[in-house]
Amino acid sequence: MDLQLKGLTALITGASRGLGFASALALAKEGARVIINARNPEKLSEAASRIKRETHTEVYPIPGDVTNPTFPSELISTIQMSIGVLDILISNAGGPPSGQFESFDDIAWQKAIDLSFLSQVRLIRSSLPLLRQSNYASVLTVTSYSVKQPIPNLILSNSIRAATIGLTKTLALELGNEGIRFNSILPGWTETERVYELMRYRAQINNSSPDEELQKLSRESALGRIGTPEEFGRVATFMVSPAASFLTGVMLNLDGGMYKGTF
């Protein structure tokens, strides 16, 4: 299937590793020009070099912290001045820390809101002028299946990511008549550095090992394993592509059957 991505421009945040990097690589393999963002300039440069090496497509690394209130608009201004177009936004960021409710004060809650919600709000708001100029405008937010099935010891993520789902669905309804599509992927446990960090935390509180905790997770999946970033990247690439032009307002579980609900 031709995803019709050749010549389109995509911005992917949180793209130096994990789900963001996998999405950028998959888009580049389909011929899209990718702009990648992450906080660490060195890791971002390494990611850009790998994408160029494997795909021979244009890659623009722009480092910066999306939790900084002014950076999302600065990022889009840079894109507008240097490239002039934007067709696709994949708004992705790392998740907040593990812990139970009483372990977090107001400062921790605010940091989590800046990371997992307000960064998405600011990126989308700043991107809209360029997206409105595209015939293939698409926005994908990255959340978690925890918005449907809360995950133990992830009170911050369980609570705040649900706000992004409300934002995504509302924007799909508000801006659909302008031809801008909004969807979200709700990933389950996936082989990323963040997940391994969470497994080390679980191992400490359960007096086990990270490998034992991963095995427990795998047993929760209908497929008997956790996912890979590459699997996420392929699904993300399809959802933002013109080939999925009638897909909007979808909150897609990508969890190997870990979520046990019907809807």
C-alpha atoms as a PDB file:
ATOM      1  CA  MET A   1       0.000   0.000   0.000  1.00  0.00           C
ATOM      2  CA  ASP A   2       1.245   3.465  -0.877  1.00  0.00           C
ATOM      3  CA  LEU A   3       0.751   5.635   2.221  1.00  0.00           C
ATOM      4  CA  GLN A   4       1.153   8.775   0.070  1.00  0.00           C
ATOM      5  CA  LEU A   5       3.708  10.272   2.419  1.00  0.00           C
ATOM      6  CA  LYS A   6       6.391  11.129  -0.113  1.00  0.00           C
ATOM      7  CA  GLY A   7       7.097  14.858  -0.030  1.00  0.00           C
ATOM      8  CA  LEU A   8       5.145  15.509   3.168  1.00  0.00           C
ATOM      9  CA  THR A   9       6.759  17.072   6.239  1.00  0.00           C
ATOM     10  CA  ALA A  10       6.326  15.634   9.726  1.00  0.00           C
ATOM     11  CA  LEU A  11       7.377  16.922  13.146  1.00  0.00           C
ATOM     12  CA  ILE A  12       7.943  14.303  15.832  1.00  0.00           C
ATOM     13  CA  THR A  13       8.775  15.321  19.389  1.00  0.00           C
ATOM     14  CA  GLY A  14      10.490  13.102  21.936  1.00  0.00           C
ATOM     15  CA  ALA A  15      12.202  11.541  18.935  1.00  0.00           C
ATOM     16  CA  SER A  16      15.725  10.768  20.086  1.00  0.00           C
ATOM     17  CA  ARG A  17      14.663   7.321  21.307  1.00  0.00           C
ATOM     18  CA  GLY A  18      11.730   5.013  21.943  1.00  0.00           C
ATOM     19  CA  LEU A  19       8.335   5.547  20.365  1.00  0.00           C
ATOM     20  CA  GLY A  20       9.182   8.957  18.933  1.00  0.00           C
ATOM     21  CA  PHE A  21      12.327   7.725  17.203  1.00  0.00           C
ATOM     22  CA  ALA A  22      10.527   4.654  15.837  1.00  0.00           C
ATOM     23  CA  SER A  23       7.797   6.888  14.396  1.00  0.00           C
ATOM     24  CA  ALA A  24      10.285   9.236  12.761  1.00  0.00           C
ATOM     25  CA  LEU A  25      12.216   6.339  11.240  1.00  0.00           C
ATOM     26  CA  ALA A  26       9.057   4.707   9.888  1.00  0.00           C
ATOM     27  CA  LEU A  27       7.866   7.990   8.364  1.00  0.00           C
ATOM     28  CA  ALA A  28      11.260   8.584   6.745  1.00  0.00           C
ATOM     29  CA  LYS A  29      11.204   5.076   5.279  1.00  0.00           C
ATOM     30  CA  GLU A  30       7.936   6.031   3.579  1.00  0.00           C
ATOM     31  CA  GLY A  31       9.563   9.096   2.024  1.00  0.00           C
ATOM     32  CA  ALA A  32       8.429  11.819   4.437  1.00  0.00           C
ATOM     33  CA  ARG A  33      10.740  14.649   5.401  1.00  0.00           C
ATOM     34  CA  VAL A  34      11.071  14.489   9.188  1.00  0.00           C
ATOM     35  CA  ILE A  35      11.801  17.133  11.785  1.00  0.00           C
ATOM     36  CA  ILE A  36      12.793  15.562  15.068  1.00  0.00           C
ATOM     37  CA  ASN A  37      12.928  17.147  18.497  1.00  0.00           C
ATOM     38  CA  ALA A  38      14.252  16.104  21.907  1.00  0.00           C
ATOM     39  CA  ARG A  39      15.952  17.766  24.848  1.00  0.00           C
ATOM     40  CA  ASN A  40      19.415  16.234  24.482  1.00  0.00           C
ATOM     41  CA  PRO A  41      21.236  17.702  21.436  1.00  0.00           C
ATOM     42  CA  GLU A  42      23.816  14.912  21.287  1.00  0.00           C
ATOM     43  CA  LYS A  43      21.283  12.076  21.359  1.00  0.00           C
ATOM     44  CA  LEU A  44      19.084  13.938  18.885  1.00  0.00           C
ATOM     45  CA  SER A  45      22.007  14.329  16.484  1.00  0.00           C
ATOM     46  CA  GLU A  46      22.753  10.615  16.761  1.00  0.00           C
ATOM     47  CA  ALA A  47      19.110   9.811  16.016  1.00  0.00           C
ATOM     48  CA  ALA A  48      19.128  12.110  12.975  1.00  0.00           C
ATOM     49  CA  SER A  49      22.307  10.488  11.651  1.00  0.00           C
ATOM     50  CA  ARG A  50      20.823   7.018  11.989  1.00  0.00           C
ATOM     51  CA  ILE A  51      17.617   8.004  10.186  1.00  0.00           C
ATOM     52  CA  LYS A  52      19.593   9.598   7.339  1.00  0.00           C
ATOM     53  CA  ARG A  53      21.854   6.570   7.090  1.00  0.00           C
ATOM     54  CA  GLU A  54      18.968   4.091   6.931  1.00  0.00           C
ATOM     55  CA  THR A  55      16.541   6.040   4.749  1.00  0.00           C
ATOM     56  CA  HIS A  56      18.529   8.636   2.743  1.00  0.00           C
ATOM     57  CA  THR A  57      15.797  11.192   3.402  1.00  0.00           C
ATOM     58  CA  GLU A  58      15.887  14.731   4.783  1.00  0.00           C
ATOM     59  CA  VAL A  59      16.070  14.951   8.575  1.00  0.00           C
ATOM     60  CA  TYR A  60      16.065  18.179  10.579  1.00  0.00           C
ATOM     61  CA  PRO A  61      17.018  17.865  14.267  1.00  0.00           C
ATOM     62  CA  ILE A  62      15.859  20.775  16.442  1.00  0.00           C
ATOM     63  CA  PRO A  63      16.760  20.328  20.125  1.00  0.00           C
ATOM     64  CA  GLY A  64      14.725  21.873  22.914  1.00  0.00           C
ATOM     65  CA  ASP A  65      12.476  21.160  25.879  1.00  0.00           C
ATOM     66  CA  VAL A  66       8.759  21.058  25.070  1.00  0.00           C
ATOM     67  CA  THR A  67       7.917  21.580  28.747  1.00  0.00           C
ATOM     68  CA  ASN A  68       9.350  25.095  28.472  1.00  0.00           C
ATOM     69  CA  PRO A  69       6.234  27.241  27.891  1.00  0.00           C
ATOM     70  CA  THR A  70       7.878  29.312  25.154  1.00  0.00           C
ATOM     71  CA  PHE A  71       9.678  26.538  23.279  1.00  0.00           C
ATOM     72  CA  PRO A  72       6.787  25.010  21.251  1.00  0.00           C
ATOM     73  CA  SER A  73       6.097  28.342  19.535  1.00  0.00           C
ATOM     74  CA  GLU A  74       9.837  28.851  18.984  1.00  0.00           C
ATOM     75  CA  LEU A  75      10.072  25.381  17.464  1.00  0.00           C
ATOM     76  CA  ILE A  76       7.254  26.036  15.010  1.00  0.00           C
ATOM     77  CA  SER A  77       8.682  29.459  14.144  1.00  0.00           C
ATOM     78  CA  THR A  78      11.980  27.787  13.283  1.00  0.00           C
ATOM     79  CA  ILE A  79      10.163  25.297  11.059  1.00  0.00           C
ATOM     80  CA  GLN A  80       8.215  28.063   9.362  1.00  0.00           C
ATOM     81  CA  MET A  81      11.349  30.083   8.621  1.00  0.00           C
ATOM     82  CA  SER A  82      13.552  27.183   7.537  1.00  0.00           C
ATOM     83  CA  ILE A  83      11.117  24.818   5.814  1.00  0.00           C
ATOM     84  CA  GLY A  84       7.845  26.712   5.495  1.00  0.00           C
ATOM     85  CA  VAL A  85       5.470  23.760   5.629  1.00  0.00           C
ATOM     86  CA  LEU A  86       4.133  21.228   8.108  1.00  0.00           C
ATOM     87  CA  ASP A  87       1.696  18.417   7.302  1.00  0.00           C
ATOM     88  CA  ILE A  88       1.988  16.079  10.272  1.00  0.00           C
ATOM     89  CA  LEU A  89       2.538  16.515  13.998  1.00  0.00           C
ATOM     90  CA  ILE A  90       3.247  13.587  16.306  1.00  0.00           C
ATOM     91  CA  SER A  91       3.157  15.039  19.795  1.00  0.00           C
ATOM     92  CA  ASN A  92       5.088  12.711  22.056  1.00  0.00           C
ATOM     93  CA  ALA A  93       6.917  13.175  25.359  1.00  0.00           C
ATOM     94  CA  GLY A  94       8.284  11.016  28.126  1.00  0.00           C
ATOM     95  CA  GLY A  95       6.016  10.093  30.984  1.00  0.00           C
ATOM     96  CA  PRO A  96       6.000  11.356  34.588  1.00  0.00           C
ATOM     97  CA  PRO A  97       7.641   9.354  37.404  1.00  0.00           C
ATOM     98  CA  SER A  98       6.247   6.345  39.219  1.00  0.00           C
ATOM     99  CA  GLY A  99       4.725   6.574  42.673  1.00  0.00           C
ATOM    100  CA  GLN A 100       1.536   6.504  44.680  1.00  0.00           C
ATOM    101  CA  PHE A 101      -0.785   9.426  45.323  1.00  0.00           C
ATOM    102  CA  GLU A 102       0.621  10.628  48.650  1.00  0.00           C
ATOM    103  CA  SER A 103       4.209  10.649  47.388  1.00  0.00           C
ATOM    104  CA  PHE A 104       3.633  13.647  45.082  1.00  0.00           C
ATOM    105  CA  ASP A 105       3.300  17.305  46.039  1.00  0.00           C
ATOM    106  CA  ASP A 106       1.896  20.160  43.948  1.00  0.00           C
ATOM    107  CA  ILE A 107       5.254  20.761  42.269  1.00  0.00           C
ATOM    108  CA  ALA A 108       5.393  17.166  41.022  1.00  0.00           C
ATOM    109  CA  TRP A 109       1.832  17.419  39.722  1.00  0.00           C
ATOM    110  CA  GLN A 110       2.598  20.656  37.878  1.00  0.00           C
ATOM    111  CA  LYS A 111       5.720  19.188  36.268  1.00  0.00           C
ATOM    112  CA  ALA A 112       3.695  16.202  35.111  1.00  0.00           C
ATOM    113  CA  ILE A 113       0.980  18.449  33.680  1.00  0.00           C
ATOM    114  CA  ASP A 114       3.601  20.498  31.796  1.00  0.00           C
ATOM    115  CA  LEU A 115       5.171  17.320  30.405  1.00  0.00           C
ATOM    116  CA  SER A 116       2.182  15.178  29.525  1.00  0.00           C
ATOM    117  CA  PHE A 117      -0.556  17.713  28.796  1.00  0.00           C
ATOM    118  CA  LEU A 118       0.437  21.347  28.362  1.00  0.00           C
ATOM    119  CA  SER A 119       3.287  20.419  26.024  1.00  0.00           C
ATOM    120  CA  GLN A 120       0.662  18.853  23.740  1.00  0.00           C
ATOM    121  CA  VAL A 121      -1.621  21.891  24.013  1.00  0.00           C
ATOM    122  CA  ARG A 122       1.181  24.307  23.150  1.00  0.00           C
ATOM    123  CA  LEU A 123       2.556  22.237  20.281  1.00  0.00           C
ATOM    124  CA  ILE A 124      -0.847  21.843  18.650  1.00  0.00           C
ATOM    125  CA  ARG A 125      -1.781  25.495  19.132  1.00  0.00           C
ATOM    126  CA  SER A 126       1.514  26.663  17.649  1.00  0.00           C
ATOM    127  CA  SER A 127       1.283  24.221  14.725  1.00  0.00           C
ATOM    128  CA  LEU A 128      -2.229  25.103  13.590  1.00  0.00           C
ATOM    129  CA  PRO A 129      -1.298  27.988  11.252  1.00  0.00           C
ATOM    130  CA  LEU A 130       1.012  25.713   9.258  1.00  0.00           C
ATOM    131  CA  LEU A 131      -1.308  22.711   9.428  1.00  0.00           C
ATOM    132  CA  ARG A 132      -4.142  24.809   8.021  1.00  0.00           C
ATOM    133  CA  GLN A 133      -2.039  25.341   4.888  1.00  0.00           C
ATOM    134  CA  SER A 134      -1.704  21.587   4.292  1.00  0.00           C
ATOM    135  CA  ASN A 135      -4.079  19.395   2.307  1.00  0.00           C
ATOM    136  CA  TYR A 136      -3.060  16.410   4.446  1.00  0.00           C
ATOM    137  CA  ALA A 137      -2.982  17.836   7.966  1.00  0.00           C
ATOM    138  CA  SER A 138      -2.858  15.228  10.703  1.00  0.00           C
ATOM    139  CA  VAL A 139      -2.060  15.304  14.420  1.00  0.00           C
ATOM    140  CA  LEU A 140      -1.297  12.258  16.523  1.00  0.00           C
ATOM    141  CA  THR A 141      -1.004  12.478  20.306  1.00  0.00           C
ATOM    142  CA  VAL A 142       0.759   9.718  22.209  1.00  0.00           C
ATOM    143  CA  THR A 143      -0.853   8.764  25.498  1.00  0.00           C
ATOM    144  CA  SER A 144      -1.230   5.364  27.211  1.00  0.00           C
ATOM    145  CA  TYR A 145      -3.737   2.563  27.625  1.00  0.00           C
ATOM    146  CA  SER A 146      -3.739   3.654  31.276  1.00  0.00           C
ATOM    147  CA  VAL A 147      -6.426   6.219  30.367  1.00  0.00           C
ATOM    148  CA  LYS A 148      -8.798   3.252  30.071  1.00  0.00           C
ATOM    149  CA  GLN A 149      -7.245   0.875  32.588  1.00  0.00           C
ATOM    150  CA  PRO A 150      -5.227   2.640  35.302  1.00  0.00           C
ATOM    151  CA  ILE A 151      -1.780   1.183  35.949  1.00  0.00           C
ATOM    152  CA  PRO A 152      -0.632   0.700  39.567  1.00  0.00           C
ATOM    153  CA  ASN A 153       1.934   3.222  40.832  1.00  0.00           C
ATOM    154  CA  LEU A 154       1.387   5.552  37.864  1.00  0.00           C
ATOM    155  CA  ILE A 155      -1.109   7.986  39.406  1.00  0.00           C
ATOM    156  CA  LEU A 156       0.355  10.985  37.558  1.00  0.00           C
ATOM    157  CA  SER A 157       0.238   9.348  34.136  1.00  0.00           C
ATOM    158  CA  ASN A 158      -3.160   7.729  34.740  1.00  0.00           C
ATOM    159  CA  SER A 159      -4.696  11.088  35.607  1.00  0.00           C
ATOM    160  CA  ILE A 160      -3.024  13.575  33.307  1.00  0.00           C
ATOM    161  CA  ARG A 161      -2.925  11.573  30.081  1.00  0.00           C
ATOM    162  CA  ALA A 162      -6.720  11.352  30.243  1.00  0.00           C
ATOM    163  CA  ALA A 163      -6.802  15.126  29.682  1.00  0.00           C
ATOM    164  CA  THR A 164      -4.912  14.674  26.408  1.00  0.00           C
ATOM    165  CA  ILE A 165      -7.542  12.195  25.262  1.00  0.00           C
ATOM    166  CA  GLY A 166     -10.250  14.780  25.932  1.00  0.00           C
ATOM    167  CA  LEU A 167      -8.220  17.386  24.065  1.00  0.00           C
ATOM    168  CA  THR A 168      -7.628  15.114  21.063  1.00  0.00           C
ATOM    169  CA  LYS A 169     -11.250  14.051  20.693  1.00  0.00           C
ATOM    170  CA  THR A 170     -12.524  17.604  21.082  1.00  0.00           C
ATOM    171  CA  LEU A 171     -10.116  18.953  18.457  1.00  0.00           C
ATOM    172  CA  ALA A 172     -11.143  16.203  16.047  1.00  0.00           C
ATOM    173  CA  LEU A 173     -14.703  17.511  16.322  1.00  0.00           C
ATOM    174  CA  GLU A 174     -13.812  21.216  16.313  1.00  0.00           C
ATOM    175  CA  LEU A 175     -11.355  21.196  13.417  1.00  0.00           C
ATOM    176  CA  GLY A 176     -12.554  18.338  11.262  1.00  0.00           C
ATOM    177  CA  ASN A 177     -14.380  20.760   8.980  1.00  0.00           C
ATOM    178  CA  GLU A 178     -10.998  22.349   8.243  1.00  0.00           C
ATOM    179  CA  GLY A 179      -9.609  19.024   7.125  1.00  0.00           C
ATOM    180  CA  ILE A 180      -7.306  18.527  10.120  1.00  0.00           C
ATOM    181  CA  ARG A 181      -7.416  15.030  11.595  1.00  0.00           C
ATOM    182  CA  PHE A 182      -6.716  14.300  15.267  1.00  0.00           C
ATOM    183  CA  ASN A 183      -6.086  10.820  16.645  1.00  0.00           C
ATOM    184  CA  SER A 184      -4.276   9.255  19.573  1.00  0.00           C
ATOM    185  CA  ILE A 185      -2.436   6.000  20.148  1.00  0.00           C
ATOM    186  CA  LEU A 186      -2.799   4.443  23.601  1.00  0.00           C
ATOM    187  CA  PRO A 187       0.283   2.213  23.776  1.00  0.00           C
ATOM    188  CA  GLY A 188       0.634  -0.598  26.234  1.00  0.00           C
ATOM    189  CA  TRP A 189       3.941  -1.827  27.587  1.00  0.00           C
ATOM    190  CA  THR A 190       6.603  -1.469  24.917  1.00  0.00           C
ATOM    191  CA  GLU A 191      10.351  -2.152  24.811  1.00  0.00           C
ATOM    192  CA  THR A 192      11.562   1.361  25.561  1.00  0.00           C
ATOM    193  CA  GLU A 193      14.047   2.834  28.022  1.00  0.00           C
ATOM    194  CA  ARG A 194      11.184   4.357  30.011  1.00  0.00           C
ATOM    195  CA  VAL A 195       9.539   0.949  30.462  1.00  0.00           C
ATOM    196  CA  TYR A 196      12.790  -0.576  31.663  1.00  0.00           C
ATOM    197  CA  GLU A 197      13.120   2.293  34.144  1.00  0.00           C
ATOM    198  CA  LEU A 198       9.600   1.541  35.415  1.00  0.00           C
ATOM    199  CA  MET A 199      10.470  -2.162  35.710  1.00  0.00           C
ATOM    200  CA  ARG A 200      13.475  -1.312  37.876  1.00  0.00           C
ATOM    201  CA  TYR A 201      11.152   0.697  40.140  1.00  0.00           C
ATOM    202  CA  ARG A 202       8.690  -2.214  40.353  1.00  0.00           C
ATOM    203  CA  ALA A 203      11.511  -4.632  41.085  1.00  0.00           C
ATOM    204  CA  GLN A 204      12.603  -2.512  44.042  1.00  0.00           C
ATOM    205  CA  ILE A 205       9.176  -2.358  45.654  1.00  0.00           C
ATOM    206  CA  ASN A 206       8.355  -6.029  44.888  1.00  0.00           C
ATOM    207  CA  ASN A 207      11.773  -7.411  45.866  1.00  0.00           C
ATOM    208  CA  SER A 208      12.146  -8.995  42.442  1.00  0.00           C
ATOM    209  CA  SER A 209      14.160  -8.335  39.283  1.00  0.00           C
ATOM    210  CA  PRO A 210      13.334  -6.204  36.220  1.00  0.00           C
ATOM    211  CA  ASP A 211      13.206  -9.347  34.084  1.00  0.00           C
ATOM    212  CA  GLU A 212      10.673 -10.928  36.443  1.00  0.00           C
ATOM    213  CA  GLU A 213       8.532  -7.800  36.245  1.00  0.00           C
ATOM    214  CA  LEU A 214       8.673  -7.874  32.435  1.00  0.00           C
ATOM    215  CA  GLN A 215       7.584 -11.496  32.467  1.00  0.00           C
ATOM    216  CA  LYS A 216       4.586 -10.550  34.615  1.00  0.00           C
ATOM    217  CA  LEU A 217       3.631  -7.890  32.078  1.00  0.00           C
ATOM    218  CA  SER A 218       3.981 -10.293  29.180  1.00  0.00           C
ATOM    219  CA  ARG A 219       1.512 -12.656  30.819  1.00  0.00           C
ATOM    220  CA  GLU A 220      -1.065  -9.828  30.924  1.00  0.00           C
ATOM    221  CA  SER A 221      -0.993  -9.551  27.129  1.00  0.00           C
ATOM    222  CA  ALA A 222      -3.213 -11.682  24.918  1.00  0.00           C
ATOM    223  CA  LEU A 223      -0.144 -12.156  22.701  1.00  0.00           C
ATOM    224  CA  GLY A 224       2.095 -13.144  25.591  1.00  0.00           C
ATOM    225  CA  ARG A 225       4.653 -10.381  25.115  1.00  0.00           C
ATOM    226  CA  ILE A 226       5.150  -6.639  25.236  1.00  0.00           C
ATOM    227  CA  GLY A 227       5.335  -4.540  22.083  1.00  0.00           C
ATOM    228  CA  THR A 228       8.265  -3.142  20.144  1.00  0.00           C
ATOM    229  CA  PRO A 229       8.872   0.481  19.147  1.00  0.00           C
ATOM    230  CA  GLU A 230       8.903  -0.606  15.507  1.00  0.00           C
ATOM    231  CA  GLU A 231       5.350  -1.935  15.823  1.00  0.00           C
ATOM    232  CA  PHE A 232       4.273   1.384  17.276  1.00  0.00           C
ATOM    233  CA  GLY A 233       6.065   3.330  14.535  1.00  0.00           C
ATOM    234  CA  ARG A 234       4.316   1.440  11.748  1.00  0.00           C
ATOM    235  CA  VAL A 235       0.862   2.031  13.224  1.00  0.00           C
ATOM    236  CA  ALA A 236       1.613   5.708  13.892  1.00  0.00           C
ATOM    237  CA  THR A 237       2.818   6.154  10.313  1.00  0.00           C
ATOM    238  CA  PHE A 238      -0.379   4.711   8.887  1.00  0.00           C
ATOM    239  CA  MET A 239      -2.620   6.785  11.151  1.00  0.00           C
ATOM    240  CA  VAL A 240      -1.039  10.110  10.154  1.00  0.00           C
ATOM    241  CA  SER A 241      -0.775   9.223   6.473  1.00  0.00           C
ATOM    242  CA  PRO A 242      -3.169  10.337   3.714  1.00  0.00           C
ATOM    243  CA  ALA A 243      -4.007   6.645   3.303  1.00  0.00           C
ATOM    244  CA  ALA A 244      -5.968   6.991   6.574  1.00  0.00           C
ATOM    245  CA  SER A 245      -7.775  10.126   5.402  1.00  0.00           C
ATOM    246  CA  PHE A 246     -11.169   9.145   6.904  1.00  0.00           C
ATOM    247  CA  LEU A 247      -9.706   8.287  10.319  1.00  0.00           C
ATOM    248  CA  THR A 248     -10.204  10.958  12.968  1.00  0.00           C
ATOM    249  CA  GLY A 249     -11.231  11.098  16.619  1.00  0.00           C
ATOM    250  CA  VAL A 250      -9.860   7.587  17.174  1.00  0.00           C
ATOM    251  CA  MET A 251      -8.220   6.618  20.450  1.00  0.00           C
ATOM    252  CA  LEU A 252      -6.443   3.414  19.411  1.00  0.00           C
ATOM    253  CA  ASN A 253      -5.254   0.849  21.929  1.00  0.00           C
ATOM    254  CA  LEU A 254      -1.924  -0.592  20.810  1.00  0.00           C
ATOM    255  CA  ASP A 255      -1.267  -2.950  23.677  1.00  0.00           C
ATOM    256  CA  GLY A 256      -1.293  -6.558  22.507  1.00  0.00           C
ATOM    257  CA  GLY A 257      -4.630  -7.102  24.250  1.00  0.00           C
ATOM    258  CA  MET A 258      -3.568  -5.890  27.712  1.00  0.00           C
ATOM    259  CA  TYR A 259      -6.661  -3.729  28.062  1.00  0.00           C
ATOM    260  CA  LYS A 260      -9.466  -6.068  29.041  1.00  0.00           C
ATOM    261  CA  GLY A 261     -12.471  -3.812  28.416  1.00  0.00           C
ATOM    262  CA  THR A 262     -14.868  -4.101  25.482  1.00  0.00           C
ATOM    263  CA  PHE A 263     -14.865  -0.417  24.458  1.00  0.00           C
END
